[in-house]
Protein backbone atom coordinates (compact mmCIF):
# COMPACT_ATOMS: atom_id res chain seq x y z
CA UNK A 1 9.09 -11.41 57.65
CA UNK A 2 9.01 -14.76 55.82
CA UNK A 3 11.92 -16.36 54.04
CA UNK A 4 10.28 -15.65 50.69
CA UNK A 5 9.94 -11.95 51.57
CA UNK A 6 13.61 -11.84 52.60
CA UNK A 7 14.62 -13.33 49.26
CA UNK A 8 12.55 -10.74 47.41
CA UNK A 9 14.17 -7.92 49.41
CA UNK A 10 17.64 -9.28 48.67
CA UNK A 11 16.86 -9.57 44.96
CA UNK A 12 15.50 -6.03 44.86
CA UNK A 13 18.63 -4.70 46.56
CA UNK A 14 20.90 -6.59 44.13
CA UNK A 15 18.94 -5.23 41.17
CA UNK A 16 19.16 -1.68 42.50
CA UNK A 17 22.92 -1.90 43.03
CA UNK A 18 23.43 -3.57 39.64
CA UNK A 19 21.61 -0.79 37.78
CA UNK A 20 23.50 1.88 39.74
CA UNK A 21 26.91 0.26 39.11
CA UNK A 22 26.10 -0.16 35.40
CA UNK A 23 25.21 3.52 35.19
CA UNK A 24 28.40 4.60 36.93
CA UNK A 25 30.55 2.36 34.71
CA UNK A 26 28.79 3.81 31.69
CA UNK A 27 29.59 7.32 32.91
CA UNK A 28 33.30 6.42 32.86
CA UNK A 29 32.95 5.40 29.22
CA UNK A 30 31.07 8.63 28.51
CA UNK A 31 33.98 10.56 30.04
CA UNK A 32 36.42 8.74 27.74
CA UNK A 33 34.18 9.53 24.77
CA UNK A 34 34.13 13.21 25.71
CA UNK A 35 37.93 13.28 25.64
CA UNK A 36 38.60 11.11 22.56
CA UNK A 37 35.84 12.08 20.10
CA UNK A 38 36.48 15.88 20.12
CA UNK A 39 40.23 15.37 19.66
CA UNK A 40 39.62 13.21 16.59
CA UNK A 41 36.75 15.18 15.05
CA UNK A 42 37.94 18.73 15.86
CA UNK A 43 35.60 21.70 16.58
CA UNK A 44 33.73 21.57 13.25
CA UNK A 45 33.41 17.78 13.26
CA UNK A 46 32.18 17.66 16.84
CA UNK A 47 29.70 20.44 16.01
CA UNK A 48 28.28 18.31 13.17
CA UNK A 49 28.17 15.22 15.38
CA UNK A 50 26.53 16.89 18.40
CA UNK A 51 23.87 18.58 16.27
CA UNK A 52 22.84 15.41 14.45
CA UNK A 53 23.09 13.37 17.65
CA UNK A 54 20.62 15.81 19.25
CA UNK A 55 18.27 15.35 16.28
CA UNK A 56 18.76 11.59 16.65
CA UNK A 57 17.71 11.63 20.33
CA UNK A 58 14.69 13.87 19.67
CA UNK A 59 13.46 11.66 16.82
CA UNK A 60 14.02 8.57 18.97
CA UNK A 61 11.72 10.02 21.64
CA UNK A 62 9.04 10.91 19.07
CA UNK A 63 8.92 7.33 17.71
CA UNK A 64 7.80 5.92 21.06
CA UNK A 65 4.19 5.91 22.36
CA UNK A 66 5.20 5.60 26.02
CA UNK A 67 6.43 2.00 26.17
CA UNK A 68 8.59 2.49 29.26
CA UNK A 69 5.74 3.77 31.40
CA UNK A 70 3.36 1.10 30.13
CA UNK A 71 5.75 -1.78 30.77
CA UNK A 72 6.87 -0.39 34.14
CA UNK A 73 3.25 -0.20 35.29
CA UNK A 74 1.69 -3.32 33.78
CA UNK A 75 4.40 -5.97 33.24
CA UNK A 76 4.92 -6.75 36.97
CA UNK A 77 1.14 -7.23 37.32
CA UNK A 78 0.81 -9.32 34.15
CA UNK A 79 3.83 -11.43 35.08
CA UNK A 80 2.14 -12.36 38.34
CA UNK A 81 -1.54 -12.55 37.29
CA UNK A 82 -1.65 -13.34 33.56
CA UNK A 83 1.71 -14.00 31.82
CA UNK A 84 -0.06 -14.87 28.56
CA UNK A 85 -0.97 -11.17 28.15
CA UNK A 86 2.66 -10.02 27.98
CA UNK A 87 3.33 -11.17 24.42
CA UNK A 88 0.22 -9.53 22.83
CA UNK A 89 1.00 -6.26 24.61
CA UNK A 90 4.62 -6.25 23.38
CA UNK A 91 3.53 -7.16 19.83
CA UNK A 92 1.01 -4.29 19.66
CA UNK A 93 3.54 -1.79 21.01
CA UNK A 94 6.06 -2.97 18.40
CA UNK A 95 3.49 -2.54 15.60
CA UNK A 96 2.55 0.95 16.82
CA UNK A 97 6.22 2.01 16.94
CA UNK A 98 6.73 0.70 13.41
CA UNK A 99 3.72 2.66 12.17
CA UNK A 100 5.05 5.86 13.78
CA UNK A 101 8.47 5.35 12.16
CA UNK A 102 6.97 4.79 8.69
CA UNK A 103 4.70 7.86 8.93
CA UNK A 104 7.57 10.06 10.16
CA UNK A 105 9.78 8.84 7.31
CA UNK A 106 7.06 9.75 4.81
CA UNK A 107 6.80 13.21 6.33
CA UNK A 108 10.57 13.75 6.20
CA UNK A 109 10.67 12.67 2.53
CA UNK A 110 7.99 15.14 1.45
CA UNK A 111 8.70 18.12 3.71
CA UNK A 112 12.49 18.26 4.19
CA UNK A 113 13.89 20.54 1.50
CA UNK A 114 17.51 20.58 2.64
CA UNK A 115 19.64 17.76 4.03
CA UNK A 116 16.85 15.29 3.25
CA UNK A 117 19.12 12.25 3.16
CA UNK A 118 20.80 13.25 6.39
CA UNK A 119 17.39 13.39 8.06
CA UNK A 120 16.25 10.07 6.56
CA UNK A 121 19.43 8.33 7.72
CA UNK A 122 19.20 9.68 11.24
CA UNK A 123 15.47 8.87 11.40
CA UNK A 124 16.19 5.27 10.34
CA UNK A 125 18.80 5.05 13.11
CA UNK A 126 16.35 6.51 15.66
CA UNK A 127 13.63 4.10 14.52
CA UNK A 128 15.84 1.03 14.89
CA UNK A 129 16.93 2.17 18.33
CA UNK A 130 13.30 2.78 19.31
CA UNK A 131 12.38 -0.80 18.35
CA UNK A 132 15.43 -2.07 20.24
CA UNK A 133 14.46 -0.09 23.35
CA UNK A 134 11.21 -2.06 23.58
CA UNK A 135 13.23 -5.25 24.05
CA UNK A 136 15.47 -3.43 26.54
CA UNK A 137 12.47 -2.41 28.65
CA UNK A 138 11.23 -5.99 28.49
CA UNK A 139 14.53 -7.28 29.89
CA UNK A 140 14.39 -4.71 32.68
CA UNK A 141 10.85 -5.46 33.77
CA UNK A 142 11.35 -9.24 33.57
CA UNK A 143 14.38 -8.83 35.86
CA UNK A 144 17.05 -9.73 33.31
CA UNK A 145 19.29 -7.06 34.80
CA UNK A 146 22.55 -8.25 33.25
CA UNK A 147 21.29 -7.62 29.72
CA UNK A 148 19.65 -4.33 30.66
CA UNK A 149 22.61 -3.16 32.75
CA UNK A 150 25.10 -3.87 29.95
CA UNK A 151 23.01 -1.84 27.50
CA UNK A 152 24.16 1.60 28.64
CA UNK A 153 27.91 1.01 28.78
CA UNK A 154 27.82 -1.34 25.77
CA UNK A 155 26.13 1.25 23.56
CA UNK A 156 28.52 3.95 24.81
CA UNK A 157 31.57 1.82 23.97
CA UNK A 158 30.35 0.94 20.47
CA UNK A 159 29.39 4.54 19.80
CA UNK A 160 32.93 5.65 20.69
CA UNK A 161 34.52 3.08 18.37
CA UNK A 162 32.04 3.56 15.52
CA UNK A 163 32.01 7.37 15.50
CA UNK A 164 35.81 7.66 15.50
CA UNK A 165 36.22 4.94 12.87
CA UNK A 166 33.39 6.22 10.68
CA UNK A 167 34.69 9.80 10.70
CA UNK A 168 38.24 8.73 9.81
CA UNK A 169 36.94 6.62 6.89
CA UNK A 170 33.99 8.62 5.50
CA UNK A 171 34.12 12.02 7.24
CA UNK A 172 30.67 13.49 8.05
CA UNK A 173 28.63 10.80 6.33
CA UNK A 174 30.54 8.21 8.35
CA UNK A 175 29.12 9.68 11.59
CA UNK A 176 25.52 9.23 10.46
CA UNK A 177 26.11 5.76 8.99
CA UNK A 178 27.77 4.64 12.22
CA UNK A 179 24.78 5.78 14.29
CA UNK A 180 22.62 3.72 11.93
CA UNK A 181 24.89 0.67 12.23
CA UNK A 182 25.02 0.92 16.02
CA UNK A 183 21.21 1.05 16.26
CA UNK A 184 20.92 -1.99 13.97
CA UNK A 185 23.35 -4.03 16.07
CA UNK A 186 21.46 -3.18 19.26
CA UNK A 187 18.17 -4.15 17.61
CA UNK A 188 19.48 -7.58 16.61
CA UNK A 189 21.20 -8.25 19.95
CA UNK A 190 18.30 -7.24 22.18
CA UNK A 191 15.53 -8.92 20.21
CA UNK A 192 17.58 -12.09 19.73
CA UNK A 193 17.73 -12.47 23.52
CA UNK A 194 14.17 -11.16 24.03
CA UNK A 195 12.70 -13.89 21.84
CA UNK A 196 13.90 -16.37 24.44
CA UNK A 197 11.53 -14.69 26.91
CA UNK A 198 8.42 -14.22 24.75
CA UNK A 199 7.02 -15.17 21.36
CA UNK A 200 5.07 -12.77 19.11
CA UNK A 201 1.33 -13.06 19.62
CA UNK A 202 -1.74 -11.13 18.43
CA UNK A 203 -4.18 -12.56 20.98
CA UNK A 204 -6.79 -10.24 22.45
CA UNK A 205 -5.79 -8.14 25.44
CA UNK A 206 -7.79 -8.16 28.67
CA UNK A 207 -8.34 -4.40 28.34
CA UNK A 208 -8.50 -2.07 25.32
CA UNK A 209 -5.06 -1.20 23.98
CA UNK A 210 -5.79 2.59 24.06
CA UNK A 211 -6.06 2.34 27.86
CA UNK A 212 -2.43 1.23 28.01
CA UNK A 213 -1.41 4.14 25.78
CA UNK A 214 -3.46 6.56 27.87
CA UNK A 215 -1.42 5.58 30.91
CA UNK A 216 2.06 5.54 29.34
CA UNK A 217 1.82 8.58 27.08
CA UNK A 218 1.83 11.29 29.80
CA UNK A 219 5.02 9.86 31.37
CA UNK A 220 6.64 9.67 27.96
CA UNK A 221 5.61 13.22 27.03
CA UNK A 222 7.18 14.42 30.28
CA UNK A 223 10.44 12.66 29.40
CA UNK A 224 10.25 14.05 25.85
CA UNK A 225 9.73 17.55 27.21
CA UNK A 226 12.80 17.37 29.44
CA UNK A 227 15.09 15.82 26.82
CA UNK A 228 13.81 18.19 24.15
CA UNK A 229 14.49 21.12 26.49
CA UNK A 230 18.11 20.04 27.02
CA UNK A 231 18.81 19.02 23.41
CA UNK A 232 17.34 22.28 22.17
CA UNK A 233 20.46 24.16 23.27
CA UNK A 234 22.59 22.69 20.47
CA UNK A 235 19.74 22.59 17.93
CA UNK A 236 18.93 26.26 18.47
CA UNK A 237 22.61 27.17 18.21
CA UNK A 238 22.65 25.49 14.79
CA UNK A 239 19.42 27.22 13.74
CA UNK A 240 21.10 30.56 14.56
CA UNK A 241 23.35 29.96 11.50
CA UNK A 242 26.50 29.83 13.60
CA UNK A 243 29.59 28.11 12.12
CA UNK A 244 30.00 24.40 12.89
CA UNK A 245 33.22 25.13 14.81
CA UNK A 246 31.36 27.55 17.14
CA UNK A 247 28.58 24.99 17.60
CA UNK A 248 31.25 22.39 18.40
CA UNK A 249 32.83 24.53 21.13
CA UNK A 250 29.43 25.38 22.62
CA UNK A 251 28.31 21.76 22.25
CA UNK A 252 31.28 20.52 24.30
CA UNK A 253 30.14 22.68 27.22
CA UNK A 254 26.55 21.45 26.86
CA UNK A 255 27.75 17.85 26.58
CA UNK A 256 29.85 18.09 29.74
CA UNK A 257 27.47 20.08 31.91
CA UNK A 258 24.04 18.88 30.79
CA UNK A 259 23.96 15.79 28.54
CA UNK A 260 26.62 13.70 30.29
CA UNK A 261 25.66 14.98 33.73
CA UNK A 262 22.08 13.80 33.09
CA UNK A 263 23.33 10.19 33.20
CA UNK A 264 24.74 10.84 36.67
CA UNK A 265 21.72 12.79 37.84
CA UNK A 266 19.32 9.95 37.03
CA UNK A 267 21.54 7.14 38.39
CA UNK A 268 20.45 7.25 42.04
CA UNK A 269 16.77 8.26 41.47
CA UNK A 270 16.41 5.60 38.76
CA UNK A 271 18.13 2.87 40.78
CA UNK A 272 15.95 3.43 43.88
CA UNK A 273 12.68 3.88 41.96
CA UNK A 274 11.72 0.14 42.09
CA UNK A 275 12.43 0.08 45.83
CA UNK A 276 10.32 3.21 46.39
CA UNK A 277 7.42 1.79 44.37
CA UNK A 278 7.59 -1.51 46.24
CA UNK A 279 7.74 0.16 49.66
CA UNK A 280 4.79 2.42 48.86
CA UNK A 281 2.69 -0.42 47.44
CA UNK A 282 3.34 -2.51 50.55
CA UNK A 283 2.31 0.44 52.76
CA UNK A 284 5.64 0.24 54.60
CA UNK A 285 5.89 3.92 55.47
CA UNK A 286 9.00 3.58 57.64
CA UNK A 287 10.97 1.86 54.89
CA UNK A 288 9.61 4.29 52.29
CA UNK A 289 10.77 7.31 54.30
CA UNK A 290 14.18 5.76 54.98
CA UNK A 291 14.83 5.04 51.30
CA UNK A 292 13.58 8.51 50.37
CA UNK A 293 15.84 10.30 52.87
CA UNK A 294 18.95 8.26 52.06
CA UNK A 295 18.51 8.57 48.29
CA UNK A 296 18.04 12.34 48.60
CA UNK A 297 21.26 12.73 50.58
CA UNK A 298 23.30 10.68 48.13
CA UNK A 299 21.70 12.15 45.04
CA UNK A 300 22.73 15.55 46.40
CA UNK A 301 26.23 14.40 47.31
CA UNK A 302 26.80 12.82 43.90
CA UNK A 303 25.19 15.56 41.86
CA UNK A 304 26.36 18.69 43.67
CA UNK A 305 29.76 17.23 44.52
CA UNK A 306 30.56 16.43 40.89
CA UNK A 307 29.15 19.77 39.75
CA UNK A 308 31.64 21.51 42.01
CA UNK A 309 34.43 19.25 40.82
CA UNK A 310 33.75 20.13 37.18
CA UNK A 311 33.60 23.84 38.04
CA UNK A 312 36.86 23.78 40.00
CA UNK A 313 38.73 21.86 37.29
CA UNK A 314 36.95 23.25 34.22
CA UNK A 315 39.97 25.07 32.76
CA UNK A 316 42.53 22.23 33.01
CA UNK A 317 39.91 19.66 31.98
CA UNK A 318 39.15 21.55 28.76
CA UNK A 319 42.63 22.79 27.87
CA UNK A 320 44.68 19.75 28.92
CA UNK A 321 42.31 16.94 27.92
CA UNK A 322 40.64 18.44 24.83
CA UNK A 323 43.15 21.01 23.63
CA UNK A 324 43.41 24.79 23.56
CA UNK A 325 41.09 24.94 20.53
CA UNK A 326 38.20 24.20 22.91
CA UNK A 327 39.23 26.80 25.54
CA UNK A 328 36.34 29.17 24.54
CA UNK A 329 33.96 26.51 25.95
CA UNK A 330 35.07 27.23 29.56
CA UNK A 331 32.74 30.23 30.25
CA UNK A 332 29.79 28.32 28.74
CA UNK A 333 30.63 25.28 30.86
CA UNK A 334 30.81 27.17 34.16
CA UNK A 335 27.49 28.87 33.51
CA UNK A 336 25.77 25.65 32.42
CA UNK A 337 26.93 23.86 35.58
CA UNK A 338 24.21 25.79 37.40
CA UNK A 339 21.82 23.80 35.23
CA UNK A 340 23.53 20.58 36.32
CA UNK A 341 22.57 21.19 39.94
CA UNK A 342 19.00 21.96 38.90
CA UNK A 343 18.84 18.74 36.87
CA UNK A 344 19.93 16.75 39.92
CA UNK A 345 16.99 18.09 41.93
CA UNK A 346 14.53 18.01 39.04
CA UNK A 347 15.17 14.31 38.37
CA UNK A 348 14.75 13.40 42.02
CA UNK A 349 11.46 15.29 42.35
CA UNK A 350 10.27 13.78 39.07
CA UNK A 351 10.79 10.23 40.40
CA UNK A 352 8.74 11.07 43.52
CA UNK A 353 5.87 12.29 41.33
CA UNK A 354 6.08 9.09 39.26
CA UNK A 355 5.83 6.98 42.42
CA UNK A 356 2.62 8.84 43.31
CA UNK A 357 1.23 8.51 39.74
CA UNK A 358 1.36 12.24 38.95
CA UNK A 359 2.07 11.45 35.29
CA UNK A 360 -0.19 14.08 33.73
CA UNK A 361 1.41 16.79 35.89
CA UNK A 362 4.87 15.78 34.63
CA UNK A 363 3.72 15.92 31.02
CA UNK A 364 2.09 19.35 31.38
CA UNK A 365 5.01 20.97 33.20
CA UNK A 366 7.87 19.60 31.10
CA UNK A 367 5.97 19.90 27.83
CA UNK A 368 5.04 23.46 28.73
CA UNK A 369 8.62 24.25 29.72
CA UNK A 370 10.02 22.98 26.42
CA UNK A 371 7.34 24.88 24.47
CA UNK A 372 8.04 28.13 26.34
CA UNK A 373 11.76 27.70 25.70
CA UNK A 374 11.28 27.36 21.94
CA UNK A 375 8.63 30.05 21.54
CA UNK A 376 10.46 32.46 23.82
CA UNK A 377 13.75 31.97 21.99
CA UNK A 378 12.18 32.65 18.61
CA UNK A 379 10.72 35.95 19.87
CA UNK A 380 13.97 37.09 21.51
CA UNK A 381 16.33 39.16 19.39
CA UNK A 382 19.30 36.93 20.23
CA UNK A 383 21.53 37.42 17.15
CA UNK A 384 23.30 34.15 17.92
CA UNK A 385 24.17 35.23 21.48
CA UNK A 386 24.81 31.89 23.19
CA UNK A 387 25.08 33.38 26.68
CA UNK A 388 21.58 34.79 26.32
CA UNK A 389 20.42 31.34 25.21
CA UNK A 390 21.96 29.79 28.35
CA UNK A 391 20.35 32.38 30.67
CA UNK A 392 16.96 31.73 29.11
CA UNK A 393 17.44 27.96 29.42
CA UNK A 394 18.44 28.23 33.10
CA UNK A 395 15.37 30.36 33.84
CA UNK A 396 13.02 27.77 32.29
CA UNK A 397 14.83 24.88 34.04
CA UNK A 398 14.69 26.66 37.41
CA UNK A 399 10.96 27.27 37.01
CA UNK A 400 10.31 23.60 36.14
CA UNK A 401 12.43 22.42 39.10
CA UNK A 402 10.62 24.80 41.46
CA UNK A 403 7.19 23.53 40.38
CA UNK A 404 8.31 19.89 40.65
CA UNK A 405 9.84 20.47 44.06
CA UNK A 406 6.75 22.23 45.40
CA UNK A 407 4.50 19.42 44.07
CA UNK A 408 6.76 16.62 45.39
CA UNK A 409 7.17 18.11 48.86
CA UNK A 410 3.39 18.28 49.20
CA UNK A 411 3.35 14.49 48.86
CA UNK A 412 6.34 13.58 51.02
CA UNK A 413 8.43 15.12 53.77
CA UNK A 414 12.17 14.65 53.30
CA UNK A 415 13.94 14.80 56.65
CA UNK A 416 15.95 18.00 57.11
CA UNK A 417 15.49 18.73 53.39
CA UNK A 418 16.67 22.34 53.24
CA UNK A 419 19.27 21.99 55.99
CA UNK A 420 21.07 19.06 54.32
CA UNK A 421 20.94 20.73 50.91
CA UNK A 422 22.44 23.98 52.21
CA UNK A 423 25.21 22.07 53.99
CA UNK A 424 26.23 20.29 50.80
CA UNK A 425 26.13 23.54 48.82
CA UNK A 426 28.34 25.12 51.48
CA UNK A 427 30.84 22.25 51.23
CA UNK A 428 30.93 22.62 47.43
CA UNK A 429 31.49 26.40 47.52
CA UNK A 430 34.29 26.21 50.09
CA UNK A 431 35.99 23.37 48.20
CA UNK A 432 35.86 25.31 44.92
CA UNK A 433 37.16 28.48 46.57
CA UNK A 434 40.20 26.82 48.16
CA UNK A 435 40.96 24.68 45.09
CA UNK A 436 40.99 27.77 42.85
CA UNK A 437 44.33 28.82 44.38
CA UNK A 438 46.12 25.74 42.98
CA UNK A 439 48.07 25.92 39.69
CA UNK A 440 46.38 24.21 36.73
CA UNK A 441 48.70 23.99 33.75
CA UNK A 442 49.55 20.31 33.23
CA UNK A 443 48.18 16.83 33.78
CA UNK A 444 49.91 16.35 37.16
CA UNK A 445 48.42 19.56 38.50
CA UNK A 446 45.01 18.51 37.15
CA UNK A 447 45.27 15.29 39.17
CA UNK A 448 46.32 17.31 42.24
CA UNK A 449 43.33 19.64 41.97
CA UNK A 450 40.91 16.71 41.52
CA UNK A 451 42.30 14.97 44.60
CA UNK A 452 42.44 18.20 46.61
CA UNK A 453 38.85 19.11 45.76
CA UNK A 454 37.64 15.59 46.64
CA UNK A 455 39.40 15.64 50.02
CA UNK A 456 38.10 19.12 50.79
CA UNK A 457 34.55 18.22 49.79
CA UNK A 458 34.49 15.06 51.91
CA UNK A 459 36.12 16.93 54.80
CA UNK A 460 33.66 19.82 54.75
CA UNK A 461 30.76 17.38 54.30
CA UNK A 462 31.84 15.43 57.37
CA UNK A 463 32.30 18.68 59.24
CA UNK A 464 28.74 19.69 58.34
CA UNK A 465 27.59 16.10 59.13
CA UNK A 466 25.82 15.31 55.86
CA UNK A 467 27.61 12.03 55.14
CA UNK A 468 25.56 9.27 56.74
CA UNK A 469 27.68 6.32 55.63
CA UNK A 470 26.73 4.15 58.63
CA UNK A 471 23.01 4.53 57.89
CA UNK A 472 23.61 3.82 54.21
CA UNK A 473 25.57 0.60 54.93
CA UNK A 474 23.11 -0.58 57.59
CA UNK A 475 20.21 -0.07 55.19
CA UNK A 476 21.68 -2.44 52.61
CA UNK A 477 22.74 -4.93 55.28
CA UNK A 478 19.18 -5.11 56.57
CA UNK A 479 17.88 -5.64 53.02
CA UNK A 480 20.45 -8.29 52.00
């Protein structure tokens, strides 16, 4: 291996670790937000916030034509072969996003009969964030990892400050205006630094622009389907005409088990994706298999281990940290944690399919899953039964994960796949069972149960020999 190849390997390893550490730091801020925001807003306020935040995320996804997939696929090639093509591609994607935002705003103005100004405000916020995300993707693909890595925890911190401050000053309207302000700040910050990398240009592209969209749209539709499926839980609770306070209690469980956990579930698969793509493109099958096996083990350890931790400490976490007013969220949380484990596997299998360019399959499965969830829920006589909603959601998510897993395991063979997974599940169950005998009434006892569960989980994992720390350390030593 040449010196230049060694330098590239070292840079790739640093980038992978930087993205992973940024994600994990952002998760800490998310945890603080989960504790602080509900205490300030209360059940009704948090219900309002979580509903409109779900609408915000859904609209954000619909204002994008698949920029992430397009830039992930073509920017590394253009950067090496024809850097002059980068600016025209970015400019055309920006113009297309702007056109989508304007047409959606027109549709909201003419067709929304109730809460029109709420929808227009949240759509403006989603549109600004969508334009900002284009600059964020540009930083990522051009290896400006410090800017991209700071995006997640920076946006989480500002959201915490803005939402609390806006609610205290302007009540419900303050929440929406703060989402708008946060999106505007991110737009200015990211494009201010992005203009140092490229300049707007409308020069002709080397291939028709629709070909770029044809590639990126299936990946984006797959992402939309998954996010829409998860965000639909809170949206459908609101459409069932339940009180805001009930939606707030239910939304806390969804936020803990699904929305926040998603950031953890994608951290390892997302951080190793560039390394997997590089290893596959270089036809280095040994390295590809090693990265695949190690990332599967640690994705399982992180995902399933934290799922068990949340389950074991669900009652003291809710009652002590959020207050007794949110205690009804505990049964919802424990049931939804089954979905957390499924998300961990689904995200890992999804990244494998992306590496092998199975983009259309992702779009069909996730889009179909989200559609079945909505159509099925409308035809079920639910009468606002949130437990029935959760069961239906888990069934759809399990089916999607099963199809992804079957498709991914046809492409790759993960060493001791089922054996390692069952060992980790066994460690989680035993740790939960023993931890359940501890008292959980105050903060000190909460700390004790967290420490006890962690020690038990690591101990049982070592006993079952699923922690391969030496292999993990040696892998990163070999790659810089």
